[in-house]
């Protein structure tokens, strides 16, 4: 069994023990995922690189807790929507590799953003 499946199983057991499963609808899990991601951002807001490094060193456990919250909601949402997250990530990397070839974007963030802008313009409304 993969690490993702094992973690999801532990999370589901933890949620079930508390009787919270009925309240965990995909919409609410997505909202919670976003809120927890925003709490991660608070650790970096208004800090330059030096202050970020110091903050991480001094607040590593708190940051780890926020990242864990994000991961928990992500795994719950994937499970609830029956999305195999491992496969989804692997497929996304394949798609992204085609969209952003190494020989075009390596070391060139400007070209990455140009390609991203072009891809958005080609999407149907």
N, C-alpha and C. Protein backbone atom coordinates (compact mmCIF):
# COMPACT_ATOMS: atom_id res chain seq x y z
N UNK A 1 0.85 -1.19 0.00
CA UNK A 1 0.00 0.00 0.00
C UNK A 1 0.89 1.24 0.00
N UNK A 2 0.51 2.23 -0.77
CA UNK A 2 1.33 3.44 -0.87
C UNK A 2 1.24 4.28 0.40
N UNK A 3 2.22 5.14 0.58
CA UNK A 3 2.20 6.05 1.72
C UNK A 3 0.95 6.92 1.71
N UNK A 4 0.54 7.36 0.53
CA UNK A 4 -0.65 8.21 0.42
C UNK A 4 -1.88 7.45 0.90
N UNK A 5 -2.02 6.22 0.47
CA UNK A 5 -3.18 5.42 0.89
C UNK A 5 -3.15 5.14 2.39
N UNK A 6 -1.97 4.86 2.91
CA UNK A 6 -1.84 4.61 4.35
C UNK A 6 -2.19 5.85 5.16
N UNK A 7 -1.69 7.00 4.73
CA UNK A 7 -2.03 8.25 5.43
C UNK A 7 -3.51 8.53 5.35
N UNK A 8 -4.09 8.34 4.18
CA UNK A 8 -5.53 8.58 4.00
C UNK A 8 -6.33 7.66 4.92
N UNK A 9 -5.92 6.42 5.03
CA UNK A 9 -6.60 5.47 5.92
C UNK A 9 -6.53 5.95 7.38
N UNK A 10 -5.36 6.40 7.81
CA UNK A 10 -5.21 6.91 9.18
C UNK A 10 -6.08 8.14 9.41
N UNK A 11 -6.10 9.03 8.43
CA UNK A 11 -6.92 10.25 8.54
C UNK A 11 -8.40 9.87 8.63
N UNK A 12 -8.83 8.97 7.74
CA UNK A 12 -10.23 8.55 7.74
C UNK A 12 -10.62 7.91 9.06
N UNK A 13 -9.73 7.11 9.63
CA UNK A 13 -10.00 6.48 10.92
C UNK A 13 -10.13 7.55 12.01
N UNK A 14 -9.23 8.50 12.01
CA UNK A 14 -9.23 9.58 13.00
C UNK A 14 -10.55 10.37 12.91
N UNK A 15 -10.97 10.70 11.68
CA UNK A 15 -12.21 11.44 11.46
C UNK A 15 -13.41 10.61 11.92
N UNK A 16 -13.42 9.31 11.55
CA UNK A 16 -14.53 8.43 11.91
C UNK A 16 -14.67 8.28 13.42
N UNK A 17 -13.55 8.19 14.13
CA UNK A 17 -13.58 8.07 15.59
C UNK A 17 -14.28 9.26 16.23
N UNK A 18 -14.24 10.38 15.58
CA UNK A 18 -14.85 11.61 16.12
C UNK A 18 -16.25 11.86 15.56
N UNK A 19 -16.68 11.01 14.64
CA UNK A 19 -18.01 11.15 14.07
C UNK A 19 -18.16 12.36 13.16
N UNK A 20 -17.08 12.74 12.50
CA UNK A 20 -17.10 13.96 11.68
C UNK A 20 -17.30 13.69 10.20
N UNK A 21 -17.37 12.44 9.80
CA UNK A 21 -17.41 12.10 8.38
C UNK A 21 -18.57 12.77 7.64
N UNK A 22 -19.75 12.79 8.23
CA UNK A 22 -20.92 13.37 7.56
C UNK A 22 -20.73 14.85 7.24
N UNK A 23 -19.97 15.55 8.06
CA UNK A 23 -19.77 16.99 7.87
C UNK A 23 -18.71 17.30 6.81
N UNK A 24 -17.97 16.29 6.39
CA UNK A 24 -16.85 16.54 5.49
C UNK A 24 -17.25 16.33 4.03
N UNK A 25 -17.95 17.31 3.51
CA UNK A 25 -18.37 17.33 2.11
C UNK A 25 -17.24 17.92 1.27
N UNK A 26 -17.16 17.55 -0.02
CA UNK A 26 -16.07 18.08 -0.86
C UNK A 26 -15.96 19.61 -0.82
N UNK A 27 -17.06 20.31 -0.88
CA UNK A 27 -17.02 21.78 -0.84
C UNK A 27 -16.36 22.27 0.44
N UNK A 28 -16.75 21.70 1.55
CA UNK A 28 -16.20 22.14 2.84
C UNK A 28 -14.74 21.76 2.99
N UNK A 29 -14.37 20.60 2.46
CA UNK A 29 -12.96 20.20 2.49
C UNK A 29 -12.12 21.14 1.62
N UNK A 30 -12.64 21.53 0.46
CA UNK A 30 -11.92 22.46 -0.42
C UNK A 30 -11.75 23.82 0.26
N UNK A 31 -12.78 24.29 0.92
CA UNK A 31 -12.69 25.57 1.64
C UNK A 31 -11.66 25.46 2.76
N UNK A 32 -11.71 24.38 3.51
CA UNK A 32 -10.75 24.19 4.61
C UNK A 32 -9.32 24.08 4.09
N UNK A 33 -9.15 23.41 2.96
CA UNK A 33 -7.83 23.30 2.34
C UNK A 33 -7.28 24.69 2.02
N UNK A 34 -8.11 25.53 1.45
CA UNK A 34 -7.69 26.89 1.10
C UNK A 34 -7.37 27.71 2.35
N UNK A 35 -8.19 27.58 3.36
CA UNK A 35 -7.95 28.33 4.60
C UNK A 35 -6.64 27.90 5.26
N UNK A 36 -6.38 26.61 5.27
CA UNK A 36 -5.13 26.13 5.87
C UNK A 36 -3.93 26.57 5.04
N UNK A 37 -4.06 26.59 3.72
CA UNK A 37 -2.97 27.07 2.87
C UNK A 37 -2.68 28.54 3.16
N UNK A 38 -3.73 29.31 3.44
CA UNK A 38 -3.54 30.72 3.79
C UNK A 38 -2.77 30.84 5.11
N UNK A 39 -3.00 29.91 6.03
CA UNK A 39 -2.26 29.94 7.30
C UNK A 39 -0.78 29.64 7.07
N UNK A 40 -0.47 28.83 6.07
CA UNK A 40 0.94 28.61 5.70
C UNK A 40 1.54 29.93 5.22
N UNK A 41 0.79 30.64 4.39
CA UNK A 41 1.28 31.91 3.84
C UNK A 41 1.60 32.93 4.93
N UNK A 42 0.86 32.90 6.02
CA UNK A 42 1.11 33.85 7.11
C UNK A 42 2.53 33.75 7.65
N UNK A 43 3.13 32.58 7.53
CA UNK A 43 4.50 32.40 8.02
C UNK A 43 5.51 33.16 7.16
N UNK A 44 5.11 33.54 5.95
CA UNK A 44 6.04 34.17 5.01
C UNK A 44 5.69 35.63 4.70
N UNK A 45 4.50 36.03 5.08
CA UNK A 45 4.01 37.36 4.75
C UNK A 45 4.91 38.45 5.34
N UNK A 46 5.26 39.42 4.50
CA UNK A 46 6.02 40.62 4.87
C UNK A 46 7.44 40.34 5.32
N UNK A 47 7.98 39.19 4.95
CA UNK A 47 9.36 38.86 5.35
C UNK A 47 10.25 38.75 4.12
N UNK A 48 11.46 39.28 4.23
CA UNK A 48 12.44 39.07 3.17
C UNK A 48 13.06 37.68 3.36
N UNK A 49 13.94 37.29 2.45
CA UNK A 49 14.50 35.94 2.50
C UNK A 49 15.24 35.64 3.80
N UNK A 50 15.97 36.62 4.32
CA UNK A 50 16.70 36.43 5.57
C UNK A 50 15.74 36.19 6.73
N UNK A 51 14.68 36.99 6.79
CA UNK A 51 13.70 36.83 7.87
C UNK A 51 12.91 35.54 7.72
N UNK A 52 12.65 35.13 6.48
CA UNK A 52 11.95 33.86 6.24
C UNK A 52 12.79 32.71 6.79
N UNK A 53 14.08 32.70 6.46
CA UNK A 53 14.96 31.63 6.93
C UNK A 53 14.99 31.57 8.45
N UNK A 54 15.08 32.74 9.09
CA UNK A 54 15.09 32.81 10.56
C UNK A 54 13.76 32.33 11.12
N UNK A 55 12.67 32.77 10.51
CA UNK A 55 11.34 32.39 10.98
C UNK A 55 11.13 30.87 10.89
N UNK A 56 11.54 30.29 9.78
CA UNK A 56 11.39 28.84 9.62
C UNK A 56 12.19 28.11 10.69
N UNK A 57 13.42 28.55 10.91
CA UNK A 57 14.27 27.92 11.91
C UNK A 57 13.64 28.00 13.31
N UNK A 58 13.06 29.14 13.63
CA UNK A 58 12.49 29.36 14.96
C UNK A 58 11.06 28.85 15.11
N UNK A 59 10.38 28.58 14.00
CA UNK A 59 8.96 28.19 14.05
C UNK A 59 8.67 26.94 13.22
N UNK A 60 9.65 26.08 13.14
CA UNK A 60 9.54 24.91 12.27
C UNK A 60 8.35 24.02 12.66
N UNK A 61 8.12 23.80 13.93
CA UNK A 61 7.01 22.94 14.36
C UNK A 61 5.66 23.55 13.98
N UNK A 62 5.51 24.86 14.16
CA UNK A 62 4.25 25.51 13.81
C UNK A 62 4.01 25.45 12.30
N UNK A 63 5.07 25.67 11.51
CA UNK A 63 4.94 25.56 10.06
C UNK A 63 4.61 24.13 9.66
N UNK A 64 5.26 23.17 10.30
CA UNK A 64 4.98 21.76 10.02
C UNK A 64 3.52 21.43 10.32
N UNK A 65 2.99 21.97 11.41
CA UNK A 65 1.57 21.74 11.73
C UNK A 65 0.65 22.28 10.64
N UNK A 66 0.97 23.47 10.14
CA UNK A 66 0.13 24.06 9.08
C UNK A 66 0.23 23.25 7.79
N UNK A 67 1.44 22.82 7.44
CA UNK A 67 1.60 21.99 6.25
C UNK A 67 0.86 20.66 6.42
N UNK A 68 0.88 20.12 7.62
CA UNK A 68 0.14 18.88 7.88
C UNK A 68 -1.35 19.10 7.71
N UNK A 69 -1.86 20.23 8.19
CA UNK A 69 -3.29 20.54 8.00
C UNK A 69 -3.65 20.59 6.52
N UNK A 70 -2.79 21.22 5.72
CA UNK A 70 -3.01 21.29 4.28
C UNK A 70 -3.04 19.87 3.69
N UNK A 71 -2.07 19.06 4.06
CA UNK A 71 -1.99 17.70 3.54
C UNK A 71 -3.20 16.87 3.96
N UNK A 72 -3.65 17.02 5.18
CA UNK A 72 -4.82 16.27 5.66
C UNK A 72 -6.05 16.62 4.84
N UNK A 73 -6.30 17.90 4.66
CA UNK A 73 -7.48 18.29 3.87
C UNK A 73 -7.34 17.89 2.41
N UNK A 74 -6.14 17.96 1.86
CA UNK A 74 -5.91 17.54 0.48
C UNK A 74 -6.20 16.04 0.32
N UNK A 75 -5.67 15.24 1.23
CA UNK A 75 -5.90 13.80 1.15
C UNK A 75 -7.37 13.45 1.36
N UNK A 76 -8.03 14.14 2.28
CA UNK A 76 -9.46 13.90 2.49
C UNK A 76 -10.27 14.27 1.25
N UNK A 77 -9.94 15.39 0.64
CA UNK A 77 -10.67 15.83 -0.55
C UNK A 77 -10.45 14.86 -1.71
N UNK A 78 -9.23 14.43 -1.89
CA UNK A 78 -8.95 13.45 -2.95
C UNK A 78 -9.71 12.15 -2.69
N UNK A 79 -9.71 11.70 -1.46
CA UNK A 79 -10.42 10.47 -1.11
C UNK A 79 -11.93 10.62 -1.32
N UNK A 80 -12.47 11.72 -0.86
CA UNK A 80 -13.91 11.96 -0.96
C UNK A 80 -14.37 12.05 -2.42
N UNK A 81 -13.51 12.59 -3.28
CA UNK A 81 -13.86 12.73 -4.71
C UNK A 81 -13.36 11.55 -5.54
N UNK A 82 -12.80 10.55 -4.86
CA UNK A 82 -12.30 9.33 -5.51
C UNK A 82 -11.23 9.63 -6.57
N UNK A 83 -10.34 10.52 -6.22
CA UNK A 83 -9.20 10.85 -7.09
C UNK A 83 -7.96 10.20 -6.49
N UNK A 84 -7.30 9.38 -7.28
CA UNK A 84 -6.04 8.76 -6.87
C UNK A 84 -4.97 9.84 -7.00
N UNK A 85 -4.57 10.39 -5.89
CA UNK A 85 -3.66 11.54 -5.88
C UNK A 85 -2.30 11.19 -6.48
N UNK A 86 -1.81 10.01 -6.22
CA UNK A 86 -0.52 9.61 -6.79
C UNK A 86 -0.58 9.63 -8.32
N UNK A 87 -1.64 9.03 -8.89
CA UNK A 87 -1.81 9.01 -10.34
C UNK A 87 -2.03 10.43 -10.87
N UNK A 88 -2.83 11.23 -10.15
CA UNK A 88 -3.09 12.60 -10.58
C UNK A 88 -1.80 13.41 -10.66
N UNK A 89 -0.93 13.26 -9.66
CA UNK A 89 0.35 13.99 -9.65
C UNK A 89 1.24 13.51 -10.80
N UNK A 90 1.31 12.21 -10.99
CA UNK A 90 2.14 11.69 -12.08
C UNK A 90 1.63 12.18 -13.43
N UNK A 91 0.32 12.15 -13.64
CA UNK A 91 -0.27 12.64 -14.90
C UNK A 91 -0.03 14.13 -15.09
N UNK A 92 -0.13 14.89 -14.01
CA UNK A 92 0.09 16.34 -14.10
C UNK A 92 1.54 16.64 -14.47
N UNK A 93 2.47 15.88 -13.93
CA UNK A 93 3.88 16.09 -14.28
C UNK A 93 4.14 15.81 -15.76
N UNK A 94 3.47 14.78 -16.30
CA UNK A 94 3.61 14.48 -17.73
C UNK A 94 3.06 15.64 -18.56
N UNK A 95 1.85 16.12 -18.21
CA UNK A 95 1.25 17.24 -18.93
C UNK A 95 2.13 18.49 -18.83
N UNK A 96 2.62 18.77 -17.63
CA UNK A 96 3.44 19.97 -17.42
C UNK A 96 4.77 19.86 -18.18
N UNK A 97 5.31 18.66 -18.28
CA UNK A 97 6.56 18.47 -19.02
C UNK A 97 6.39 18.79 -20.50
N UNK A 98 5.23 18.44 -21.05
CA UNK A 98 4.94 18.76 -22.45
C UNK A 98 4.70 20.25 -22.63
N UNK A 99 4.04 20.85 -21.67
CA UNK A 99 3.69 22.27 -21.73
C UNK A 99 4.92 23.16 -21.50
N UNK A 100 5.81 22.72 -20.63
CA UNK A 100 6.99 23.50 -20.25
C UNK A 100 8.25 22.64 -20.45
N UNK A 101 8.67 22.43 -21.70
CA UNK A 101 9.84 21.58 -21.95
C UNK A 101 11.11 22.17 -21.34
N UNK A 102 11.93 21.29 -20.81
CA UNK A 102 13.17 21.70 -20.13
C UNK A 102 14.01 22.60 -21.02
N UNK A 103 14.17 22.22 -22.28
CA UNK A 103 15.05 22.99 -23.17
C UNK A 103 14.55 24.41 -23.42
N UNK A 104 13.28 24.67 -23.13
CA UNK A 104 12.72 26.00 -23.35
C UNK A 104 12.72 26.83 -22.06
N UNK A 105 12.40 26.20 -20.94
CA UNK A 105 12.18 26.97 -19.71
C UNK A 105 13.29 26.89 -18.67
N UNK A 106 14.24 25.99 -18.84
CA UNK A 106 15.27 25.81 -17.81
C UNK A 106 16.01 27.12 -17.54
N UNK A 107 15.93 27.56 -16.29
CA UNK A 107 16.60 28.78 -15.88
C UNK A 107 15.99 30.04 -16.46
N UNK A 108 14.78 29.94 -16.99
CA UNK A 108 14.17 31.07 -17.69
C UNK A 108 12.73 31.24 -17.25
N UNK A 109 12.52 31.88 -16.11
CA UNK A 109 11.16 32.03 -15.59
C UNK A 109 10.31 32.92 -16.50
N UNK A 110 10.94 33.84 -17.21
CA UNK A 110 10.19 34.70 -18.13
C UNK A 110 9.51 33.86 -19.22
N UNK A 111 10.25 32.90 -19.78
CA UNK A 111 9.68 32.03 -20.82
C UNK A 111 8.57 31.16 -20.24
N UNK A 112 8.73 30.71 -19.00
CA UNK A 112 7.69 29.93 -18.33
C UNK A 112 6.39 30.74 -18.27
N UNK A 113 6.50 31.99 -17.84
CA UNK A 113 5.29 32.82 -17.74
C UNK A 113 4.70 33.14 -19.11
N UNK A 114 5.55 33.28 -20.13
CA UNK A 114 5.04 33.48 -21.50
C UNK A 114 4.24 32.27 -21.96
N UNK A 115 4.77 31.07 -21.73
CA UNK A 115 4.08 29.85 -22.11
C UNK A 115 2.76 29.70 -21.33
N UNK A 116 2.80 30.04 -20.07
CA UNK A 116 1.60 29.95 -19.24
C UNK A 116 0.53 30.92 -19.75
N UNK A 117 0.94 32.11 -20.10
CA UNK A 117 0.02 33.12 -20.63
C UNK A 117 -0.59 32.64 -21.95
N UNK A 118 0.22 32.07 -22.81
CA UNK A 118 -0.27 31.54 -24.09
C UNK A 118 -1.28 30.42 -23.87
N UNK A 119 -0.99 29.54 -22.92
CA UNK A 119 -1.89 28.42 -22.64
C UNK A 119 -3.24 28.92 -22.13
N UNK A 120 -3.22 29.93 -21.29
CA UNK A 120 -4.48 30.49 -20.79
C UNK A 120 -5.29 31.13 -21.90
N UNK A 121 -4.61 31.79 -22.83
CA UNK A 121 -5.29 32.45 -23.94
C UNK A 121 -5.96 31.45 -24.87
N UNK A 122 -5.43 30.23 -24.91
CA UNK A 122 -5.98 29.21 -25.81
C UNK A 122 -7.15 28.44 -25.20
N UNK A 123 -7.41 28.63 -23.92
CA UNK A 123 -8.52 27.93 -23.27
C UNK A 123 -9.85 28.47 -23.77
N UNK A 124 -10.81 27.57 -23.98
CA UNK A 124 -12.15 28.05 -24.37
C UNK A 124 -12.83 28.73 -23.20
N UNK A 125 -13.64 29.71 -23.51
CA UNK A 125 -14.39 30.39 -22.45
C UNK A 125 -15.47 29.49 -22.00
